[in-house]
Amino acid sequence: MIVAFSVAPSGGPSPEGDPGGVSAAVADAVLVVRSSGLPHRTDSMFTTIEGGWEECMDVVRRACEAVGRHGPRVSLVLKADIRPGRTGEMTGKLERLEAAVERAQGEAGRGQ
C-alpha cells in the first residue's frame, strides 16, 4: 500500500500560543514519518509512505497527533493506492512511468 498525505494545523495558534507556525508543525509530522522505518518521500505538497494498512495508518495517525499539538484543529488530505501483495511500488510505479515516457518520446520522434 502506498499512502500520500498532507497534514497541517488549522484554526489559529495552539492553546499554548506556539508561534512556530505551519513549518514547525509539519516538521514534527515529518519526524514521525522518518522514525517509522517505512519507505518514504517528502516533497513540497505531500509525504508518501509505503507499507501495510496498519503500519501506514498508524504513521498517519501519529503525524496528525504531532501536528495537533500545534493548534486546535488538524487538516488531513490522504490518497492511497491499495494493492495487496505488492511491495516496492513507490519506485516501481515511477520506473514504469519513465519507461512509458521513453517509449512515447521514441514514437513521437519517429512520427516527425
PDB file of N, CA and C in Angstrom:
ATOM      1  N   MET A   1       0.846  -1.167   0.000  1.00  0.00           N
ATOM      2  CA  MET A   1       0.000   0.000   0.000  1.00  0.00           C
ATOM      3  C   MET A   1       0.892   1.231   0.000  1.00  0.00           C
ATOM      4  N   ILE A   2       0.511   2.190  -0.833  1.00  0.00           N
ATOM      5  CA  ILE A   2       1.179   3.485  -0.845  1.00  0.00           C
ATOM      6  C   ILE A   2       0.175   4.518  -0.354  1.00  0.00           C
ATOM      7  N   VAL A   3       0.608   5.359   0.566  1.00  0.00           N
ATOM      8  CA  VAL A   3      -0.249   6.419   1.090  1.00  0.00           C
ATOM      9  C   VAL A   3       0.474   7.744   0.920  1.00  0.00           C
ATOM     10  N   ALA A   4      -0.185   8.675   0.235  1.00  0.00           N
ATOM     11  CA  ALA A   4       0.315  10.047   0.124  1.00  0.00           C
ATOM     12  C   ALA A   4      -0.581  10.906   1.000  1.00  0.00           C
ATOM     13  N   PHE A   5       0.029  11.684   1.879  1.00  0.00           N
ATOM     14  CA  PHE A   5      -0.795  12.516   2.755  1.00  0.00           C
ATOM     15  C   PHE A   5      -0.137  13.854   3.035  1.00  0.00           C
ATOM     16  N   SER A   6      -0.996  14.783   3.378  1.00  0.00           N
ATOM     17  CA  SER A   6      -0.578  16.122   3.765  1.00  0.00           C
ATOM     18  C   SER A   6      -1.325  16.462   5.041  1.00  0.00           C
ATOM     19  N   VAL A   7      -0.602  16.903   6.035  1.00  0.00           N
ATOM     20  CA  VAL A   7      -1.221  17.238   7.314  1.00  0.00           C
ATOM     21  C   VAL A   7      -0.688  18.593   7.771  1.00  0.00           C
ATOM     22  N   ALA A   8      -1.595  19.427   8.254  1.00  0.00           N
ATOM     23  CA  ALA A   8      -1.204  20.771   8.689  1.00  0.00           C
ATOM     24  C   ALA A   8      -2.163  21.265   9.758  1.00  0.00           C
ATOM     25  N   PRO A   9      -1.688  22.157  10.624  1.00  0.00           N
ATOM     26  CA  PRO A   9      -2.585  22.729  11.627  1.00  0.00           C
ATOM     27  C   PRO A   9      -3.501  23.758  10.982  1.00  0.00           C
ATOM     28  N   SER A  10      -4.663  23.927  11.553  1.00  0.00           N
ATOM     29  CA  SER A  10      -5.557  24.996  11.108  1.00  0.00           C
ATOM     30  C   SER A  10      -6.329  25.493  12.320  1.00  0.00           C
ATOM     31  N   GLY A  11      -6.915  26.647  12.197  1.00  0.00           N
ATOM     32  CA  GLY A  11      -7.744  27.142  13.284  1.00  0.00           C
ATOM     33  C   GLY A  11      -7.050  28.064  14.250  1.00  0.00           C
ATOM     34  N   GLY A  12      -5.882  28.568  13.906  1.00  0.00           N
ATOM     35  CA  GLY A  12      -5.237  29.539  14.776  1.00  0.00           C
ATOM     36  C   GLY A  12      -4.129  28.937  15.603  1.00  0.00           C
ATOM     37  N   PRO A  13      -3.577  29.739  16.522  1.00  0.00           N
ATOM     38  CA  PRO A  13      -2.434  29.283  17.320  1.00  0.00           C
ATOM     39  C   PRO A  13      -2.839  28.196  18.305  1.00  0.00           C
ATOM     40  N   SER A  14      -1.838  27.458  18.735  1.00  0.00           N
ATOM     41  CA  SER A  14      -2.081  26.394  19.706  1.00  0.00           C
ATOM     42  C   SER A  14      -2.531  26.993  21.031  1.00  0.00           C
ATOM     43  N   PRO A  15      -3.116  26.168  21.888  1.00  0.00           N
ATOM     44  CA  PRO A  15      -3.548  26.658  23.194  1.00  0.00           C
ATOM     45  C   PRO A  15      -2.411  27.285  23.994  1.00  0.00           C
ATOM     46  N   GLU A  16      -1.194  26.820  23.748  1.00  0.00           N
ATOM     47  CA  GLU A  16      -0.039  27.366  24.465  1.00  0.00           C
ATOM     48  C   GLU A  16       0.486  28.629  23.789  1.00  0.00           C
ATOM     49  N   GLY A  17      -0.126  29.044  22.679  1.00  0.00           N
ATOM     50  CA  GLY A  17       0.323  30.240  21.976  1.00  0.00           C
ATOM     51  C   GLY A  17       1.595  30.030  21.184  1.00  0.00           C
ATOM     52  N   ASP A  18       1.856  28.797  20.741  1.00  0.00           N
ATOM     53  CA  ASP A  18       3.063  28.468  19.985  1.00  0.00           C
ATOM     54  C   ASP A  18       3.112  29.252  18.683  1.00  0.00           C
ATOM     55  N   PRO A  19       4.099  30.134  18.516  1.00  0.00           N
ATOM     56  CA  PRO A  19       4.191  30.929  17.288  1.00  0.00           C
ATOM     57  C   PRO A  19       4.959  30.217  16.178  1.00  0.00           C
ATOM     58  N   GLY A  20       5.259  28.922  16.336  1.00  0.00           N
ATOM     59  CA  GLY A  20       6.099  28.198  15.378  1.00  0.00           C
ATOM     60  C   GLY A  20       5.551  28.119  13.981  1.00  0.00           C
ATOM     61  N   GLY A  21       4.245  28.236  13.828  1.00  0.00           N
ATOM     62  CA  GLY A  21       3.642  28.223  12.507  1.00  0.00           C
ATOM     63  C   GLY A  21       3.544  26.841  11.893  1.00  0.00           C
ATOM     64  N   VAL A  22       3.154  26.832  10.622  1.00  0.00           N
ATOM     65  CA  VAL A  22       2.917  25.586   9.912  1.00  0.00           C
ATOM     66  C   VAL A  22       4.199  24.787   9.736  1.00  0.00           C
ATOM     67  N   SER A  23       5.309  25.439   9.438  1.00  0.00           N
ATOM     68  CA  SER A  23       6.563  24.705   9.198  1.00  0.00           C
ATOM     69  C   SER A  23       6.984  23.870  10.394  1.00  0.00           C
ATOM     70  N   ALA A  24       6.866  24.414  11.589  1.00  0.00           N
ATOM     71  CA  ALA A  24       7.243  23.665  12.787  1.00  0.00           C
ATOM     72  C   ALA A  24       6.326  22.463  12.982  1.00  0.00           C
ATOM     73  N   ALA A  25       5.048  22.647  12.729  1.00  0.00           N
ATOM     74  CA  ALA A  25       4.089  21.545  12.878  1.00  0.00           C
ATOM     75  C   ALA A  25       4.362  20.452  11.861  1.00  0.00           C
ATOM     76  N   VAL A  26       4.584  20.839  10.614  1.00  0.00           N
ATOM     77  CA  VAL A  26       4.858  19.862   9.570  1.00  0.00           C
ATOM     78  C   VAL A  26       6.186  19.156   9.845  1.00  0.00           C
ATOM     79  N   ALA A  27       7.163  19.865  10.360  1.00  0.00           N
ATOM     80  CA  ALA A  27       8.442  19.239  10.713  1.00  0.00           C
ATOM     81  C   ALA A  27       8.232  18.131  11.741  1.00  0.00           C
ATOM     82  N   ASP A  28       7.362  18.362  12.707  1.00  0.00           N
ATOM     83  CA  ASP A  28       7.073  17.321  13.703  1.00  0.00           C
ATOM     84  C   ASP A  28       6.436  16.103  13.051  1.00  0.00           C
ATOM     85  N   ALA A  29       5.554  16.330  12.077  1.00  0.00           N
ATOM     86  CA  ALA A  29       4.931  15.210  11.361  1.00  0.00           C
ATOM     87  C   ALA A  29       5.967  14.448  10.537  1.00  0.00           C
ATOM     88  N   VAL A  30       6.866  15.170   9.893  1.00  0.00           N
ATOM     89  CA  VAL A  30       7.908  14.524   9.081  1.00  0.00           C
ATOM     90  C   VAL A  30       8.835  13.692   9.967  1.00  0.00           C
ATOM     91  N   LEU A  31       9.110  14.169  11.164  1.00  0.00           N
ATOM     92  CA  LEU A  31       9.933  13.373  12.089  1.00  0.00           C
ATOM     93  C   LEU A  31       9.257  12.057  12.440  1.00  0.00           C
ATOM     94  N   VAL A  32       7.940  12.071  12.588  1.00  0.00           N
ATOM     95  CA  VAL A  32       7.194  10.828  12.834  1.00  0.00           C
ATOM     96  C   VAL A  32       7.401   9.873  11.660  1.00  0.00           C
ATOM     97  N   VAL A  33       7.269  10.391  10.453  1.00  0.00           N
ATOM     98  CA  VAL A  33       7.429   9.556   9.255  1.00  0.00           C
ATOM     99  C   VAL A  33       8.841   8.994   9.184  1.00  0.00           C
ATOM    100  N   ARG A  34       9.828   9.846   9.366  1.00  0.00           N
ATOM    101  CA  ARG A  34      11.221   9.398   9.251  1.00  0.00           C
ATOM    102  C   ARG A  34      11.597   8.375  10.302  1.00  0.00           C
ATOM    103  N   SER A  35      11.011   8.464  11.464  1.00  0.00           N
ATOM    104  CA  SER A  35      11.327   7.494  12.525  1.00  0.00           C
ATOM    105  C   SER A  35      10.523   6.203  12.395  1.00  0.00           C
ATOM    106  N   SER A  36       9.594   6.147  11.448  1.00  0.00           N
ATOM    107  CA  SER A  36       8.719   4.980  11.312  1.00  0.00           C
ATOM    108  C   SER A  36       9.419   3.758  10.742  1.00  0.00           C
ATOM    109  N   GLY A  37      10.494   3.972   9.994  1.00  0.00           N
ATOM    110  CA  GLY A  37      11.163   2.859   9.346  1.00  0.00           C
ATOM    111  C   GLY A  37      10.539   2.473   8.007  1.00  0.00           C
ATOM    112  N   LEU A  38       9.425   3.095   7.630  1.00  0.00           N
ATOM    113  CA  LEU A  38       8.790   2.794   6.350  1.00  0.00           C
ATOM    114  C   LEU A  38       9.489   3.548   5.224  1.00  0.00           C
ATOM    115  N   PRO A  39       9.492   2.979   4.015  1.00  0.00           N
ATOM    116  CA  PRO A  39       9.975   3.752   2.881  1.00  0.00           C
ATOM    117  C   PRO A  39       9.127   5.021   2.768  1.00  0.00           C
ATOM    118  N   HIS A  40       9.780   6.145   2.508  1.00  0.00           N
ATOM    119  CA  HIS A  40       9.039   7.408   2.469  1.00  0.00           C
ATOM    120  C   HIS A  40       9.723   8.408   1.555  1.00  0.00           C
ATOM    121  N   ARG A  41       8.951   9.396   1.155  1.00  0.00           N
ATOM    122  CA  ARG A  41       9.451  10.505   0.339  1.00  0.00           C
ATOM    123  C   ARG A  41       8.597  11.717   0.689  1.00  0.00           C
ATOM    124  N   THR A  42       9.229  12.845   0.899  1.00  0.00           N
ATOM    125  CA  THR A  42       8.507  14.090   1.170  1.00  0.00           C
ATOM    126  C   THR A  42       8.836  15.088   0.078  1.00  0.00           C
ATOM    127  N   ASP A  43       7.797  15.715  -0.476  1.00  0.00           N
ATOM    128  CA  ASP A  43       8.015  16.786  -1.440  1.00  0.00           C
ATOM    129  C   ASP A  43       7.267  18.024  -0.966  1.00  0.00           C
ATOM    130  N   SER A  44       7.121  19.002  -1.817  1.00  0.00           N
ATOM    131  CA  SER A  44       6.541  20.277  -1.394  1.00  0.00           C
ATOM    132  C   SER A  44       5.056  20.204  -1.083  1.00  0.00           C
ATOM    133  N   MET A  45       4.387  19.126  -1.490  1.00  0.00           N
ATOM    134  CA  MET A  45       2.945  19.026  -1.283  1.00  0.00           C
ATOM    135  C   MET A  45       2.513  17.857  -0.406  1.00  0.00           C
ATOM    136  N   PHE A  46       3.204  16.720  -0.506  1.00  0.00           N
ATOM    137  CA  PHE A  46       2.772  15.511   0.191  1.00  0.00           C
ATOM    138  C   PHE A  46       3.961  14.740   0.741  1.00  0.00           C
ATOM    139  N   THR A  47       3.669  13.889   1.690  1.00  0.00           N
ATOM    140  CA  THR A  47       4.604  12.867   2.132  1.00  0.00           C
ATOM    141  C   THR A  47       4.003  11.535   1.718  1.00  0.00           C
ATOM    142  N   THR A  48       4.820  10.682   1.121  1.00  0.00           N
ATOM    143  CA  THR A  48       4.369   9.378   0.657  1.00  0.00           C
ATOM    144  C   THR A  48       5.093   8.316   1.463  1.00  0.00           C
ATOM    145  N   ILE A  49       4.325   7.320   1.913  1.00  0.00           N
ATOM    146  CA  ILE A  49       4.886   6.200   2.662  1.00  0.00           C
ATOM    147  C   ILE A  49       4.395   4.907   2.035  1.00  0.00           C
ATOM    148  N   GLU A  50       5.118   3.821   2.277  1.00  0.00           N
ATOM    149  CA  GLU A  50       4.708   2.518   1.758  1.00  0.00           C
ATOM    150  C   GLU A  50       4.824   1.486   2.859  1.00  0.00           C
ATOM    151  N   GLY A  51       3.791   0.672   2.994  1.00  0.00           N
ATOM    152  CA  GLY A  51       3.785  -0.390   3.988  1.00  0.00           C
ATOM    153  C   GLY A  51       2.427  -1.047   4.040  1.00  0.00           C
ATOM    154  N   GLY A  52       2.194  -1.811   5.094  1.00  0.00           N
ATOM    155  CA  GLY A  52       0.901  -2.437   5.298  1.00  0.00           C
ATOM    156  C   GLY A  52      -0.130  -1.430   5.788  1.00  0.00           C
ATOM    157  N   TRP A  53      -1.392  -1.828   5.703  1.00  0.00           N
ATOM    158  CA  TRP A  53      -2.502  -0.955   6.109  1.00  0.00           C
ATOM    159  C   TRP A  53      -2.299  -0.413   7.522  1.00  0.00           C
ATOM    160  N   GLU A  54      -2.081  -1.309   8.476  1.00  0.00           N
ATOM    161  CA  GLU A  54      -1.956  -0.896   9.871  1.00  0.00           C
ATOM    162  C   GLU A  54      -0.750   0.013  10.083  1.00  0.00           C
ATOM    163  N   GLU A  55       0.374  -0.349   9.458  1.00  0.00           N
ATOM    164  CA  GLU A  55       1.589   0.461   9.596  1.00  0.00           C
ATOM    165  C   GLU A  55       1.373   1.877   9.069  1.00  0.00           C
ATOM    166  N   CYS A  56       0.829   1.968   7.876  1.00  0.00           N
ATOM    167  CA  CYS A  56       0.633   3.282   7.251  1.00  0.00           C
ATOM    168  C   CYS A  56      -0.356   4.130   8.041  1.00  0.00           C
ATOM    169  N   MET A  57      -1.466   3.541   8.422  1.00  0.00           N
ATOM    170  CA  MET A  57      -2.474   4.317   9.146  1.00  0.00           C
ATOM    171  C   MET A  57      -1.974   4.739  10.530  1.00  0.00           C
ATOM    172  N   ASP A  58      -1.115   3.920  11.135  1.00  0.00           N
ATOM    173  CA  ASP A  58      -0.528   4.303  12.421  1.00  0.00           C
ATOM    174  C   ASP A  58       0.378   5.524  12.247  1.00  0.00           C
ATOM    175  N   VAL A  59       1.169   5.543  11.178  1.00  0.00           N
ATOM    176  CA  VAL A  59       2.047   6.689  10.922  1.00  0.00           C
ATOM    177  C   VAL A  59       1.212   7.937  10.661  1.00  0.00           C
ATOM    178  N   VAL A  60       0.159   7.817   9.860  1.00  0.00           N
ATOM    179  CA  VAL A  60      -0.707   8.964   9.581  1.00  0.00           C
ATOM    180  C   VAL A  60      -1.340   9.470  10.880  1.00  0.00           C
ATOM    181  N   ARG A  61      -1.826   8.554  11.704  1.00  0.00           N
ATOM    182  CA  ARG A  61      -2.435   8.944  12.990  1.00  0.00           C
ATOM    183  C   ARG A  61      -1.433   9.684  13.866  1.00  0.00           C
ATOM    184  N   ARG A  62      -0.223   9.130  13.983  1.00  0.00           N
ATOM    185  CA  ARG A  62       0.784   9.765  14.834  1.00  0.00           C
ATOM    186  C   ARG A  62       1.246  11.109  14.274  1.00  0.00           C
ATOM    187  N   ALA A  63       1.296  11.230  12.946  1.00  0.00           N
ATOM    188  CA  ALA A  63       1.650  12.515  12.328  1.00  0.00           C
ATOM    189  C   ALA A  63       0.564  13.552  12.627  1.00  0.00           C
ATOM    190  N   CYS A  64      -0.690  13.131  12.563  1.00  0.00           N
ATOM    191  CA  CYS A  64      -1.796  14.048  12.899  1.00  0.00           C
ATOM    192  C   CYS A  64      -1.729  14.464  14.366  1.00  0.00           C
ATOM    193  N   GLU A  65      -1.405  13.533  15.234  1.00  0.00           N
ATOM    194  CA  GLU A  65      -1.271  13.870  16.659  1.00  0.00           C
ATOM    195  C   GLU A  65      -0.133  14.863  16.879  1.00  0.00           C
ATOM    196  N   ALA A  66       0.971  14.674  16.162  1.00  0.00           N
ATOM    197  CA  ALA A  66       2.106  15.593  16.292  1.00  0.00           C
ATOM    198  C   ALA A  66       1.709  16.998  15.852  1.00  0.00           C
ATOM    199  N   VAL A  67       1.004  17.097  14.751  1.00  0.00           N
ATOM    200  CA  VAL A  67       0.550  18.400  14.259  1.00  0.00           C
ATOM    201  C   VAL A  67      -0.495  18.981  15.200  1.00  0.00           C
ATOM    202  N   GLY A  68      -1.326  18.131  15.770  1.00  0.00           N
ATOM    203  CA  GLY A  68      -2.375  18.585  16.680  1.00  0.00           C
ATOM    204  C   GLY A  68      -1.847  19.287  17.914  1.00  0.00           C
ATOM    205  N   ARG A  69      -0.610  19.038  18.260  1.00  0.00           N
ATOM    206  CA  ARG A  69      -0.012  19.736  19.397  1.00  0.00           C
ATOM    207  C   ARG A  69       0.276  21.201  19.074  1.00  0.00           C
ATOM    208  N   HIS A  70       0.159  21.575  17.801  1.00  0.00           N
ATOM    209  CA  HIS A  70       0.448  22.941  17.362  1.00  0.00           C
ATOM    210  C   HIS A  70      -0.809  23.793  17.182  1.00  0.00           C
ATOM    211  N   GLY A  71      -1.965  23.221  17.324  1.00  0.00           N
ATOM    212  CA  GLY A  71      -3.176  24.008  17.124  1.00  0.00           C
ATOM    213  C   GLY A  71      -4.415  23.225  17.479  1.00  0.00           C
ATOM    214  N   PRO A  72      -5.540  23.915  17.518  1.00  0.00           N
ATOM    215  CA  PRO A  72      -6.777  23.279  17.953  1.00  0.00           C
ATOM    216  C   PRO A  72      -7.445  22.411  16.886  1.00  0.00           C
ATOM    217  N   ARG A  73      -6.903  22.437  15.659  1.00  0.00           N
ATOM    218  CA  ARG A  73      -7.537  21.724  14.564  1.00  0.00           C
ATOM    219  C   ARG A  73      -6.472  21.228  13.601  1.00  0.00           C
ATOM    220  N   VAL A  74      -6.722  20.063  12.974  1.00  0.00           N
ATOM    221  CA  VAL A  74      -5.768  19.472  12.039  1.00  0.00           C
ATOM    222  C   VAL A  74      -6.473  19.209  10.712  1.00  0.00           C
ATOM    223  N   SER A  75      -5.812  19.579   9.630  1.00  0.00           N
ATOM    224  CA  SER A  75      -6.306  19.292   8.290  1.00  0.00           C
ATOM    225  C   SER A  75      -5.492  18.138   7.716  1.00  0.00           C
ATOM    226  N   LEU A  76      -6.185  17.114   7.203  1.00  0.00           N
ATOM    227  CA  LEU A  76      -5.527  15.944   6.622  1.00  0.00           C
ATOM    228  C   LEU A  76      -6.094  15.692   5.233  1.00  0.00           C
ATOM    229  N   VAL A  77      -5.192  15.562   4.252  1.00  0.00           N
ATOM    230  CA  VAL A  77      -5.551  15.122   2.904  1.00  0.00           C
ATOM    231  C   VAL A  77      -4.807  13.813   2.690  1.00  0.00           C
ATOM    232  N   LEU A  78      -5.522  12.769   2.246  1.00  0.00           N
ATOM    233  CA  LEU A  78      -4.912  11.447   2.122  1.00  0.00           C
ATOM    234  C   LEU A  78      -5.370  10.775   0.834  1.00  0.00           C
ATOM    235  N   LYS A  79      -4.428  10.140   0.161  1.00  0.00           N
ATOM    236  CA  LYS A  79      -4.733   9.334  -1.017  1.00  0.00           C
ATOM    237  C   LYS A  79      -3.974   8.023  -0.872  1.00  0.00           C
ATOM    238  N   ALA A  80      -4.636   6.908  -1.175  1.00  0.00           N
ATOM    239  CA  ALA A  80      -3.997   5.606  -1.007  1.00  0.00           C
ATOM    240  C   ALA A  80      -4.123   4.763  -2.267  1.00  0.00           C
ATOM    241  N   ASP A  81      -3.084   4.005  -2.550  1.00  0.00           N
ATOM    242  CA  ASP A  81      -3.077   3.005  -3.616  1.00  0.00           C
ATOM    243  C   ASP A  81      -2.958   1.660  -2.905  1.00  0.00           C
ATOM    244  N   ILE A  82      -4.045   0.929  -2.862  1.00  0.00           N
ATOM    245  CA  ILE A  82      -4.105  -0.316  -2.089  1.00  0.00           C
ATOM    246  C   ILE A  82      -3.980  -1.488  -3.061  1.00  0.00           C
ATOM    247  N   ARG A  83      -2.828  -2.153  -3.025  1.00  0.00           N
ATOM    248  CA  ARG A  83      -2.558  -3.298  -3.896  1.00  0.00           C
ATOM    249  C   ARG A  83      -1.955  -4.406  -3.045  1.00  0.00           C
ATOM    250  N   PRO A  84      -2.804  -5.236  -2.438  1.00  0.00           N
ATOM    251  CA  PRO A  84      -2.296  -6.302  -1.569  1.00  0.00           C
ATOM    252  C   PRO A  84      -1.255  -7.169  -2.276  1.00  0.00           C
ATOM    253  N   GLY A  85      -0.214  -7.490  -1.528  1.00  0.00           N
ATOM    254  CA  GLY A  85       0.831  -8.358  -2.044  1.00  0.00           C
ATOM    255  C   GLY A  85       1.920  -7.656  -2.840  1.00  0.00           C
ATOM    256  N   ARG A  86       1.759  -6.365  -3.100  1.00  0.00           N
ATOM    257  CA  ARG A  86       2.763  -5.631  -3.863  1.00  0.00           C
ATOM    258  C   ARG A  86       3.648  -4.846  -2.907  1.00  0.00           C
ATOM    259  N   THR A  87       4.938  -4.838  -3.176  1.00  0.00           N
ATOM    260  CA  THR A  87       5.881  -4.020  -2.419  1.00  0.00           C
ATOM    261  C   THR A  87       6.803  -3.324  -3.417  1.00  0.00           C
ATOM    262  N   GLY A  88       7.491  -2.303  -2.960  1.00  0.00           N
ATOM    263  CA  GLY A  88       8.424  -1.588  -3.819  1.00  0.00           C
ATOM    264  C   GLY A  88       7.736  -0.730  -4.864  1.00  0.00           C
ATOM    265  N   GLU A  89       6.483  -0.423  -4.652  1.00  0.00           N
ATOM    266  CA  GLU A  89       5.734   0.322  -5.653  1.00  0.00           C
ATOM    267  C   GLU A  89       6.047   1.817  -5.677  1.00  0.00           C
ATOM    268  N   MET A  90       6.600   2.352  -4.601  1.00  0.00           N
ATOM    269  CA  MET A  90       6.988   3.774  -4.636  1.00  0.00           C
ATOM    270  C   MET A  90       7.978   4.021  -5.768  1.00  0.00           C
ATOM    271  N   THR A  91       8.901   3.102  -5.951  1.00  0.00           N
ATOM    272  CA  THR A  91       9.865   3.242  -7.041  1.00  0.00           C
ATOM    273  C   THR A  91       9.385   2.521  -8.294  1.00  0.00           C
ATOM    274  N   GLY A  92       8.716   1.405  -8.128  1.00  0.00           N
ATOM    275  CA  GLY A  92       8.259   0.624  -9.284  1.00  0.00           C
ATOM    276  C   GLY A  92       7.325   1.398 -10.190  1.00  0.00           C
ATOM    277  N   LYS A  93       6.392   2.141  -9.594  1.00  0.00           N
ATOM    278  CA  LYS A  93       5.457   2.927 -10.407  1.00  0.00           C
ATOM    279  C   LYS A  93       6.196   3.993 -11.212  1.00  0.00           C
ATOM    280  N   LEU A  94       7.196   4.617 -10.575  1.00  0.00           N
ATOM    281  CA  LEU A  94       7.980   5.641 -11.283  1.00  0.00           C
ATOM    282  C   LEU A  94       8.812   5.032 -12.404  1.00  0.00           C
ATOM    283  N   GLU A  95       9.389   3.867 -12.165  1.00  0.00           N
ATOM    284  CA  GLU A  95      10.175   3.202 -13.203  1.00  0.00           C
ATOM    285  C   GLU A  95       9.302   2.865 -14.408  1.00  0.00           C
ATOM    286  N   ARG A  96       8.074   2.357 -14.164  1.00  0.00           N
ATOM    287  CA  ARG A  96       7.172   2.037 -15.267  1.00  0.00           C
ATOM    288  C   ARG A  96       6.749   3.306 -16.012  1.00  0.00           C
ATOM    289  N   LEU A  97       6.535   4.384 -15.281  1.00  0.00           N
ATOM    290  CA  LEU A  97       6.175   5.653 -15.917  1.00  0.00           C
ATOM    291  C   LEU A  97       7.304   6.153 -16.808  1.00  0.00           C
ATOM    292  N   GLU A  98       8.528   6.156 -16.289  1.00  0.00           N
ATOM    293  CA  GLU A  98       9.663   6.637 -17.078  1.00  0.00           C
ATOM    294  C   GLU A  98       9.853   5.796 -18.337  1.00  0.00           C
ATOM    295  N   ALA A  99       9.655   4.485 -18.238  1.00  0.00           N
ATOM    296  CA  ALA A  99       9.761   3.626 -19.419  1.00  0.00           C
ATOM    297  C   ALA A  99       8.692   3.994 -20.439  1.00  0.00           C
ATOM    298  N   ALA A 100       7.488   4.282 -19.983  1.00  0.00           N
ATOM    299  CA  ALA A 100       6.408   4.681 -20.893  1.00  0.00           C
ATOM    300  C   ALA A 100       6.711   6.031 -21.543  1.00  0.00           C
ATOM    301  N   VAL A 101       7.290   6.956 -20.790  1.00  0.00           N
ATOM    302  CA  VAL A 101       7.653   8.261 -21.351  1.00  0.00           C
ATOM    303  C   VAL A 101       8.718   8.087 -22.428  1.00  0.00           C
ATOM    304  N   GLU A 102       9.697   7.242 -22.167  1.00  0.00           N
ATOM    305  CA  GLU A 102      10.742   6.995 -23.169  1.00  0.00           C
ATOM    306  C   GLU A 102      10.144   6.393 -24.436  1.00  0.00           C
ATOM    307  N   ARG A 103       9.218   5.424 -24.282  1.00  0.00           N
ATOM    308  CA  ARG A 103       8.569   4.836 -25.448  1.00  0.00           C
ATOM    309  C   ARG A 103       7.799   5.907 -26.220  1.00  0.00           C
ATOM    310  N   ALA A 104       7.069   6.753 -25.504  1.00  0.00           N
ATOM    311  CA  ALA A 104       6.279   7.799 -26.145  1.00  0.00           C
ATOM    312  C   ALA A 104       7.178   8.803 -26.874  1.00  0.00           C
ATOM    313  N   GLN A 105       8.309   9.139 -26.275  1.00  0.00           N
ATOM    314  CA  GLN A 105       9.253  10.051 -26.936  1.00  0.00           C
ATOM    315  C   GLN A 105       9.796   9.422 -28.226  1.00  0.00           C
ATOM    316  N   GLY A 106      10.102   8.148 -28.145  1.00  0.00           N
ATOM    317  CA  GLY A 106      10.604   7.441 -29.332  1.00  0.00           C
ATOM    318  C   GLY A 106       9.567   7.411 -30.429  1.00  0.00           C
ATOM    319  N   GLU A 107       8.323   7.149 -30.083  1.00  0.00           N
ATOM    320  CA  GLU A 107       7.253   7.118 -31.078  1.00  0.00           C
ATOM    321  C   GLU A 107       7.018   8.513 -31.656  1.00  0.00           C
ATOM    322  N   ALA A 108       7.090   9.536 -30.816  1.00  0.00           N
ATOM    323  CA  ALA A 108       6.897  10.906 -31.298  1.00  0.00           C
ATOM    324  C   ALA A 108       8.028  11.308 -32.242  1.00  0.00           C
ATOM    325  N   GLY A 109       9.240  10.866 -31.940  1.00  0.00           N
ATOM    326  CA  GLY A 109      10.385  11.186 -32.779  1.00  0.00           C
ATOM    327  C   GLY A 109      10.295  10.525 -34.147  1.00  0.00           C
ATOM    328  N   ARG A 110       9.737   9.336 -34.199  1.00  0.00           N
ATOM    329  CA  ARG A 110       9.597   8.625 -35.473  1.00  0.00           C
ATOM    330  C   ARG A 110       8.482   9.224 -36.334  1.00  0.00           C
ATOM    331  N   GLY A 111       7.542   9.905 -35.675  1.00  0.00           N
ATOM    332  CA  GLY A 111       6.407  10.457 -36.407  1.00  0.00           C
ATOM    333  C   GLY A 111       6.676  11.818 -37.002  1.00  0.00           C
ATOM    334  N   GLN A 112       7.823  12.403 -36.728  1.00  0.00           N
ATOM    335  CA  GLN A 112       8.116  13.754 -37.227  1.00  0.00           C
ATOM    336  C   GLN A 112       8.706  13.739 -38.606  1.00  0.00           C
TER     337      GLN A 112
END
